[in-house]
Amino acid sequence: MLENKSRLVFATNNKRVVALLGLFLLIVTSTLAQQQKRPEPCADAQSQAELNICWGKEYKAADARLNKVYGQFASKLSDEEKVQLKNAQLAWLKYRDADCEFVADQYKGGSMRPMIAAICLADVTNARANELKTQMKEREQ
């Protein structure tokens, strides 16, 4: 009889632990998801023209960020490495422009084409800036 009570208490405690663990994971996941959500930069736009303008500004901001990171990185490189970085960046720019042109041409002739192009350019440019930042940090270690 005592053994059965022990099993019952053990099973009840296990259920509580599992329930608490599940609740903990739910809270942590929810918190992380909220922290990782990036605010929509053009959420207040009221027309397609406003969206096109807003996303164009987002792209220009991303491009300015990339140019800043590129300059910081280049300043830390030898002359030979600067040439390599410049060649890689020129090839990347050619790829980025061609790829985003392809993505946007899905909406060729439409009023949202400029927005689609700008979203692509902003996203890919921000990713490149992050990539260069990572490369710069790795070289500093």
N, C-alpha and C. Protein backbone atom coordinates (compact mmCIF):
# COMPACT_ATOMS: atom_id res chain seq x y z
N MET A 1 0.82 -1.19 0.00
CA MET A 1 0.00 0.00 0.00
C MET A 1 0.87 1.26 0.00
N LEU A 2 1.91 1.28 0.82
CA LEU A 2 2.81 2.41 0.87
C LEU A 2 3.50 2.61 -0.47
N GLU A 3 3.85 1.51 -1.12
CA GLU A 3 4.50 1.58 -2.43
C GLU A 3 3.57 2.21 -3.46
N ASN A 4 2.28 1.88 -3.44
CA ASN A 4 1.31 2.46 -4.36
C ASN A 4 1.16 3.96 -4.14
N LYS A 5 1.17 4.38 -2.84
CA LYS A 5 1.09 5.81 -2.54
C LYS A 5 2.32 6.54 -3.07
N SER A 6 3.47 5.92 -2.93
CA SER A 6 4.71 6.51 -3.44
C SER A 6 4.65 6.70 -4.94
N ARG A 7 4.14 5.70 -5.64
CA ARG A 7 4.00 5.79 -7.09
C ARG A 7 3.03 6.90 -7.48
N LEU A 8 1.94 7.01 -6.73
CA LEU A 8 0.93 8.01 -7.00
C LEU A 8 1.51 9.41 -6.78
N VAL A 9 2.23 9.61 -5.69
CA VAL A 9 2.86 10.90 -5.40
C VAL A 9 3.90 11.21 -6.47
N PHE A 10 4.70 10.21 -6.84
CA PHE A 10 5.73 10.38 -7.87
C PHE A 10 5.09 10.77 -9.20
N ALA A 11 4.02 10.07 -9.60
CA ALA A 11 3.34 10.37 -10.86
C ALA A 11 2.74 11.76 -10.83
N THR A 12 2.13 12.15 -9.68
CA THR A 12 1.53 13.48 -9.56
C THR A 12 2.61 14.56 -9.64
N ASN A 13 3.73 14.34 -8.99
CA ASN A 13 4.84 15.30 -9.03
C ASN A 13 5.41 15.42 -10.44
N ASN A 14 5.52 14.29 -11.14
CA ASN A 14 6.01 14.32 -12.51
C ASN A 14 5.10 15.14 -13.41
N LYS A 15 3.79 14.97 -13.23
CA LYS A 15 2.82 15.73 -14.03
C LYS A 15 2.97 17.22 -13.76
N ARG A 16 3.16 17.58 -12.49
CA ARG A 16 3.35 18.99 -12.14
C ARG A 16 4.62 19.55 -12.76
N VAL A 17 5.69 18.77 -12.69
CA VAL A 17 6.97 19.20 -13.26
C VAL A 17 6.82 19.40 -14.77
N VAL A 18 6.18 18.45 -15.43
CA VAL A 18 5.99 18.56 -16.88
C VAL A 18 5.12 19.77 -17.21
N ALA A 19 4.05 19.98 -16.44
CA ALA A 19 3.17 21.13 -16.67
C ALA A 19 3.92 22.44 -16.45
N LEU A 20 4.71 22.52 -15.38
CA LEU A 20 5.49 23.73 -15.11
C LEU A 20 6.54 23.97 -16.18
N LEU A 21 7.19 22.91 -16.62
CA LEU A 21 8.19 23.02 -17.67
C LEU A 21 7.54 23.52 -18.97
N GLY A 22 6.38 22.96 -19.29
CA GLY A 22 5.66 23.41 -20.49
C GLY A 22 5.28 24.87 -20.40
N LEU A 23 4.80 25.30 -19.24
CA LEU A 23 4.43 26.70 -19.04
C LEU A 23 5.65 27.60 -19.16
N PHE A 24 6.75 27.17 -18.57
CA PHE A 24 7.99 27.93 -18.65
C PHE A 24 8.44 28.09 -20.10
N LEU A 25 8.42 27.00 -20.86
CA LEU A 25 8.83 27.07 -22.27
C LEU A 25 7.90 27.98 -23.08
N LEU A 26 6.63 27.94 -22.78
CA LEU A 26 5.67 28.80 -23.47
C LEU A 26 5.97 30.27 -23.20
N ILE A 27 6.25 30.60 -21.96
CA ILE A 27 6.56 31.99 -21.59
C ILE A 27 7.86 32.44 -22.26
N VAL A 28 8.88 31.61 -22.20
CA VAL A 28 10.17 31.97 -22.79
C VAL A 28 10.03 32.15 -24.30
N THR A 29 9.34 31.22 -24.95
CA THR A 29 9.16 31.30 -26.40
C THR A 29 8.39 32.56 -26.78
N SER A 30 7.34 32.85 -26.05
CA SER A 30 6.53 34.04 -26.31
C SER A 30 7.35 35.31 -26.13
N THR A 31 8.15 35.36 -25.08
CA THR A 31 8.98 36.53 -24.81
C THR A 31 10.01 36.72 -25.91
N LEU A 32 10.66 35.64 -26.31
CA LEU A 32 11.66 35.73 -27.38
C LEU A 32 11.03 36.16 -28.69
N ALA A 33 9.87 35.65 -29.00
CA ALA A 33 9.18 36.01 -30.24
C ALA A 33 8.85 37.49 -30.25
N GLN A 34 8.42 38.02 -29.11
CA GLN A 34 8.10 39.44 -29.04
C GLN A 34 9.34 40.29 -29.19
N GLN A 35 10.45 39.86 -28.62
CA GLN A 35 11.69 40.61 -28.72
C GLN A 35 12.26 40.59 -30.13
N GLN A 36 12.03 39.52 -30.86
CA GLN A 36 12.61 39.39 -32.18
C GLN A 36 11.75 40.03 -33.27
N LYS A 37 10.51 40.36 -32.96
CA LYS A 37 9.65 40.98 -33.95
C LYS A 37 10.19 42.36 -34.28
N ARG A 38 10.40 42.57 -35.54
CA ARG A 38 10.89 43.86 -36.02
C ARG A 38 9.67 44.70 -36.35
N PRO A 39 9.61 45.94 -35.87
CA PRO A 39 8.45 46.76 -36.19
C PRO A 39 8.37 46.98 -37.70
N GLU A 40 7.19 46.98 -38.20
CA GLU A 40 6.96 47.20 -39.63
C GLU A 40 7.23 48.67 -39.93
N PRO A 41 8.26 48.97 -40.70
CA PRO A 41 8.65 50.37 -40.88
C PRO A 41 7.62 51.22 -41.62
N CYS A 42 6.81 50.64 -42.44
CA CYS A 42 5.88 51.41 -43.26
C CYS A 42 4.42 51.12 -42.92
N ALA A 43 4.17 50.74 -41.69
CA ALA A 43 2.83 50.33 -41.29
C ALA A 43 1.81 51.47 -41.35
N ASP A 44 2.28 52.70 -41.25
CA ASP A 44 1.36 53.84 -41.24
C ASP A 44 1.06 54.39 -42.63
N ALA A 45 1.68 53.84 -43.66
CA ALA A 45 1.42 54.33 -45.02
C ALA A 45 -0.04 54.09 -45.38
N GLN A 46 -0.64 55.07 -46.07
CA GLN A 46 -2.06 55.01 -46.40
C GLN A 46 -2.33 54.73 -47.88
N SER A 47 -1.30 54.74 -48.70
CA SER A 47 -1.50 54.50 -50.13
C SER A 47 -0.29 53.77 -50.69
N GLN A 48 -0.43 53.27 -51.90
CA GLN A 48 0.69 52.59 -52.54
C GLN A 48 1.85 53.56 -52.77
N ALA A 49 1.52 54.78 -53.13
CA ALA A 49 2.57 55.78 -53.34
C ALA A 49 3.36 56.01 -52.05
N GLU A 50 2.66 56.09 -50.92
CA GLU A 50 3.33 56.27 -49.63
C GLU A 50 4.18 55.05 -49.28
N LEU A 51 3.68 53.86 -49.60
CA LEU A 51 4.47 52.64 -49.36
C LEU A 51 5.73 52.65 -50.21
N ASN A 52 5.60 53.04 -51.46
CA ASN A 52 6.76 53.09 -52.35
C ASN A 52 7.81 54.06 -51.80
N ILE A 53 7.37 55.22 -51.36
CA ILE A 53 8.28 56.24 -50.81
C ILE A 53 8.91 55.74 -49.52
N CYS A 54 8.12 55.19 -48.64
CA CYS A 54 8.62 54.71 -47.35
C CYS A 54 9.67 53.62 -47.54
N TRP A 55 9.37 52.64 -48.37
CA TRP A 55 10.32 51.55 -48.59
C TRP A 55 11.57 52.04 -49.32
N GLY A 56 11.40 53.05 -50.15
CA GLY A 56 12.58 53.66 -50.78
C GLY A 56 13.49 54.27 -49.73
N LYS A 57 12.89 54.91 -48.73
CA LYS A 57 13.69 55.48 -47.63
C LYS A 57 14.35 54.38 -46.80
N GLU A 58 13.64 53.28 -46.60
CA GLU A 58 14.23 52.14 -45.87
C GLU A 58 15.45 51.60 -46.60
N TYR A 59 15.34 51.51 -47.92
CA TYR A 59 16.48 51.05 -48.71
C TYR A 59 17.65 52.03 -48.60
N LYS A 60 17.36 53.32 -48.69
CA LYS A 60 18.44 54.32 -48.60
C LYS A 60 19.13 54.24 -47.23
N ALA A 61 18.35 54.01 -46.17
CA ALA A 61 18.93 53.87 -44.83
C ALA A 61 19.80 52.62 -44.75
N ALA A 62 19.33 51.53 -45.35
CA ALA A 62 20.12 50.28 -45.36
C ALA A 62 21.41 50.49 -46.14
N ASP A 63 21.33 51.20 -47.25
CA ASP A 63 22.51 51.46 -48.07
C ASP A 63 23.52 52.33 -47.32
N ALA A 64 23.03 53.32 -46.59
CA ALA A 64 23.92 54.17 -45.79
C ALA A 64 24.60 53.33 -44.70
N ARG A 65 23.84 52.44 -44.09
CA ARG A 65 24.41 51.55 -43.06
C ARG A 65 25.48 50.65 -43.65
N LEU A 66 25.19 50.08 -44.82
CA LEU A 66 26.16 49.22 -45.48
C LEU A 66 27.43 50.00 -45.81
N ASN A 67 27.29 51.21 -46.34
CA ASN A 67 28.46 52.02 -46.69
C ASN A 67 29.30 52.32 -45.46
N LYS A 68 28.65 52.57 -44.34
CA LYS A 68 29.37 52.84 -43.09
C LYS A 68 30.15 51.60 -42.64
N VAL A 69 29.49 50.46 -42.63
CA VAL A 69 30.14 49.21 -42.21
C VAL A 69 31.28 48.87 -43.17
N TYR A 70 31.04 49.02 -44.46
CA TYR A 70 32.06 48.74 -45.47
C TYR A 70 33.30 49.61 -45.22
N GLY A 71 33.08 50.90 -44.98
CA GLY A 71 34.19 51.81 -44.71
C GLY A 71 34.96 51.43 -43.46
N GLN A 72 34.24 51.06 -42.40
CA GLN A 72 34.89 50.64 -41.16
C GLN A 72 35.74 49.40 -41.40
N PHE A 73 35.16 48.45 -42.13
CA PHE A 73 35.87 47.20 -42.40
C PHE A 73 37.11 47.46 -43.26
N ALA A 74 36.93 48.22 -44.32
CA ALA A 74 38.05 48.50 -45.24
C ALA A 74 39.19 49.20 -44.52
N SER A 75 38.87 50.05 -43.57
CA SER A 75 39.92 50.78 -42.84
C SER A 75 40.80 49.86 -42.01
N LYS A 76 40.35 48.65 -41.75
CA LYS A 76 41.11 47.71 -40.93
C LYS A 76 41.88 46.69 -41.75
N LEU A 77 41.81 46.81 -43.07
CA LEU A 77 42.41 45.82 -43.95
C LEU A 77 43.70 46.34 -44.58
N SER A 78 44.54 45.40 -44.99
CA SER A 78 45.74 45.77 -45.75
C SER A 78 45.31 46.20 -47.15
N ASP A 79 46.22 46.79 -47.90
CA ASP A 79 45.90 47.24 -49.26
C ASP A 79 45.42 46.08 -50.13
N GLU A 80 46.09 44.93 -50.00
CA GLU A 80 45.70 43.75 -50.79
C GLU A 80 44.29 43.28 -50.41
N GLU A 81 44.01 43.26 -49.11
CA GLU A 81 42.69 42.84 -48.66
C GLU A 81 41.60 43.84 -49.07
N LYS A 82 41.95 45.12 -49.10
CA LYS A 82 40.99 46.14 -49.55
C LYS A 82 40.58 45.89 -51.00
N VAL A 83 41.54 45.52 -51.83
CA VAL A 83 41.24 45.22 -53.24
C VAL A 83 40.32 44.01 -53.32
N GLN A 84 40.61 43.00 -52.52
CA GLN A 84 39.76 41.80 -52.49
C GLN A 84 38.34 42.15 -52.05
N LEU A 85 38.23 42.94 -50.99
CA LEU A 85 36.92 43.34 -50.49
C LEU A 85 36.17 44.15 -51.54
N LYS A 86 36.86 45.07 -52.19
CA LYS A 86 36.23 45.90 -53.22
C LYS A 86 35.70 45.03 -54.35
N ASN A 87 36.50 44.07 -54.80
CA ASN A 87 36.06 43.17 -55.88
C ASN A 87 34.85 42.32 -55.45
N ALA A 88 34.91 41.84 -54.22
CA ALA A 88 33.79 41.05 -53.71
C ALA A 88 32.53 41.91 -53.61
N GLN A 89 32.70 43.15 -53.15
CA GLN A 89 31.56 44.04 -52.98
C GLN A 89 30.95 44.41 -54.34
N LEU A 90 31.80 44.66 -55.34
CA LEU A 90 31.28 44.98 -56.67
C LEU A 90 30.50 43.81 -57.26
N ALA A 91 31.02 42.60 -57.06
CA ALA A 91 30.30 41.41 -57.53
C ALA A 91 28.98 41.25 -56.77
N TRP A 92 29.01 41.51 -55.47
CA TRP A 92 27.79 41.40 -54.67
C TRP A 92 26.75 42.43 -55.12
N LEU A 93 27.20 43.67 -55.37
CA LEU A 93 26.27 44.71 -55.83
C LEU A 93 25.60 44.32 -57.15
N LYS A 94 26.38 43.76 -58.04
CA LYS A 94 25.83 43.32 -59.33
C LYS A 94 24.79 42.21 -59.11
N TYR A 95 25.10 41.27 -58.24
CA TYR A 95 24.15 40.20 -57.91
C TYR A 95 22.89 40.78 -57.27
N ARG A 96 23.07 41.65 -56.25
CA ARG A 96 21.93 42.21 -55.53
C ARG A 96 20.97 42.93 -56.48
N ASP A 97 21.54 43.78 -57.32
CA ASP A 97 20.70 44.56 -58.23
C ASP A 97 19.96 43.67 -59.22
N ALA A 98 20.66 42.68 -59.77
CA ALA A 98 20.01 41.77 -60.72
C ALA A 98 18.94 40.92 -60.04
N ASP A 99 19.23 40.44 -58.84
CA ASP A 99 18.27 39.60 -58.14
C ASP A 99 17.02 40.38 -57.75
N CYS A 100 17.20 41.57 -57.22
CA CYS A 100 16.04 42.37 -56.81
C CYS A 100 15.24 42.85 -58.02
N GLU A 101 15.92 43.07 -59.12
CA GLU A 101 15.22 43.41 -60.37
C GLU A 101 14.33 42.25 -60.79
N PHE A 102 14.88 41.05 -60.69
CA PHE A 102 14.12 39.85 -61.03
C PHE A 102 12.91 39.69 -60.11
N VAL A 103 13.13 39.86 -58.80
CA VAL A 103 12.05 39.74 -57.83
C VAL A 103 10.95 40.77 -58.11
N ALA A 104 11.34 42.00 -58.36
CA ALA A 104 10.37 43.07 -58.58
C ALA A 104 9.63 42.92 -59.91
N ASP A 105 10.29 42.35 -60.89
CA ASP A 105 9.65 42.21 -62.21
C ASP A 105 8.46 41.27 -62.21
N GLN A 106 8.27 40.56 -61.13
CA GLN A 106 7.06 39.76 -60.98
C GLN A 106 5.83 40.69 -61.00
N TYR A 107 6.05 41.94 -60.63
CA TYR A 107 4.98 42.94 -60.57
C TYR A 107 5.17 44.02 -61.63
N LYS A 108 5.87 43.68 -62.70
CA LYS A 108 6.17 44.63 -63.77
C LYS A 108 4.88 45.28 -64.28
N GLY A 109 4.91 46.61 -64.37
CA GLY A 109 3.75 47.34 -64.82
C GLY A 109 2.78 47.71 -63.71
N GLY A 110 2.99 47.15 -62.54
CA GLY A 110 2.10 47.42 -61.41
C GLY A 110 2.62 48.54 -60.53
N SER A 111 1.72 49.14 -59.78
CA SER A 111 2.10 50.26 -58.93
C SER A 111 2.92 49.82 -57.72
N MET A 112 2.88 48.53 -57.39
CA MET A 112 3.65 48.09 -56.23
C MET A 112 5.05 47.60 -56.58
N ARG A 113 5.39 47.59 -57.86
CA ARG A 113 6.72 47.13 -58.27
C ARG A 113 7.85 47.90 -57.58
N PRO A 114 7.77 49.25 -57.50
CA PRO A 114 8.86 49.97 -56.81
C PRO A 114 9.00 49.56 -55.34
N MET A 115 7.88 49.30 -54.68
CA MET A 115 7.93 48.88 -53.28
C MET A 115 8.61 47.51 -53.15
N ILE A 116 8.23 46.58 -54.03
CA ILE A 116 8.81 45.24 -53.98
C ILE A 116 10.32 45.32 -54.22
N ALA A 117 10.72 46.14 -55.18
CA ALA A 117 12.16 46.31 -55.45
C ALA A 117 12.86 46.89 -54.22
N ALA A 118 12.26 47.91 -53.61
CA ALA A 118 12.88 48.56 -52.45
C ALA A 118 12.94 47.62 -51.25
N ILE A 119 11.90 46.83 -51.03
CA ILE A 119 11.91 45.86 -49.92
C ILE A 119 13.05 44.86 -50.12
N CYS A 120 13.17 44.36 -51.33
CA CYS A 120 14.24 43.41 -51.63
C CYS A 120 15.60 44.06 -51.41
N LEU A 121 15.78 45.25 -51.96
CA LEU A 121 17.06 45.95 -51.82
C LEU A 121 17.39 46.23 -50.36
N ALA A 122 16.40 46.65 -49.59
CA ALA A 122 16.62 46.94 -48.17
C ALA A 122 17.00 45.67 -47.41
N ASP A 123 16.25 44.60 -47.63
CA ASP A 123 16.51 43.35 -46.91
C ASP A 123 17.88 42.78 -47.24
N VAL A 124 18.19 42.72 -48.52
CA VAL A 124 19.47 42.13 -48.95
C VAL A 124 20.63 43.02 -48.52
N THR A 125 20.45 44.32 -48.57
CA THR A 125 21.50 45.25 -48.17
C THR A 125 21.76 45.18 -46.66
N ASN A 126 20.69 45.09 -45.88
CA ASN A 126 20.87 44.93 -44.43
C ASN A 126 21.58 43.62 -44.11
N ALA A 127 21.24 42.57 -44.83
CA ALA A 127 21.90 41.27 -44.62
C ALA A 127 23.39 41.37 -44.95
N ARG A 128 23.73 42.09 -46.01
CA ARG A 128 25.14 42.25 -46.39
C ARG A 128 25.89 43.06 -45.33
N ALA A 129 25.25 44.09 -44.80
CA ALA A 129 25.90 44.89 -43.75
C ALA A 129 26.18 44.01 -42.53
N ASN A 130 25.21 43.17 -42.16
CA ASN A 130 25.42 42.25 -41.04
C ASN A 130 26.53 41.26 -41.34
N GLU A 131 26.58 40.78 -42.57
CA GLU A 131 27.63 39.84 -42.98
C GLU A 131 29.01 40.49 -42.86
N LEU A 132 29.14 41.72 -43.33
CA LEU A 132 30.43 42.41 -43.24
C LEU A 132 30.81 42.68 -41.79
N LYS A 133 29.83 43.02 -40.95
CA LYS A 133 30.10 43.23 -39.53
C LYS A 133 30.63 41.96 -38.89
N THR A 134 30.02 40.84 -39.24
CA THR A 134 30.46 39.54 -38.70
C THR A 134 31.89 39.24 -39.16
N GLN A 135 32.17 39.46 -40.43
CA GLN A 135 33.51 39.22 -40.95
C GLN A 135 34.54 40.11 -40.25
N MET A 136 34.16 41.36 -40.00
CA MET A 136 35.07 42.28 -39.33
C MET A 136 35.35 41.80 -37.91
N LYS A 137 34.32 41.36 -37.19
CA LYS A 137 34.50 40.87 -35.82
C LYS A 137 35.37 39.62 -35.80
N GLU A 138 35.15 38.74 -36.77
CA GLU A 138 35.94 37.50 -36.83
C GLU A 138 37.41 37.80 -37.06
N ARG A 139 37.73 38.80 -37.83
CA ARG A 139 39.13 39.16 -38.08
C ARG A 139 39.77 39.82 -36.87
N GLU A 140 38.95 40.42 -36.03
CA GLU A 140 39.50 41.09 -34.82
C GLU A 140 39.86 40.09 -33.73
N GLN A 141 39.33 38.90 -33.81
CA GLN A 141 39.58 37.90 -32.75
C GLN A 141 40.91 37.25 -32.90
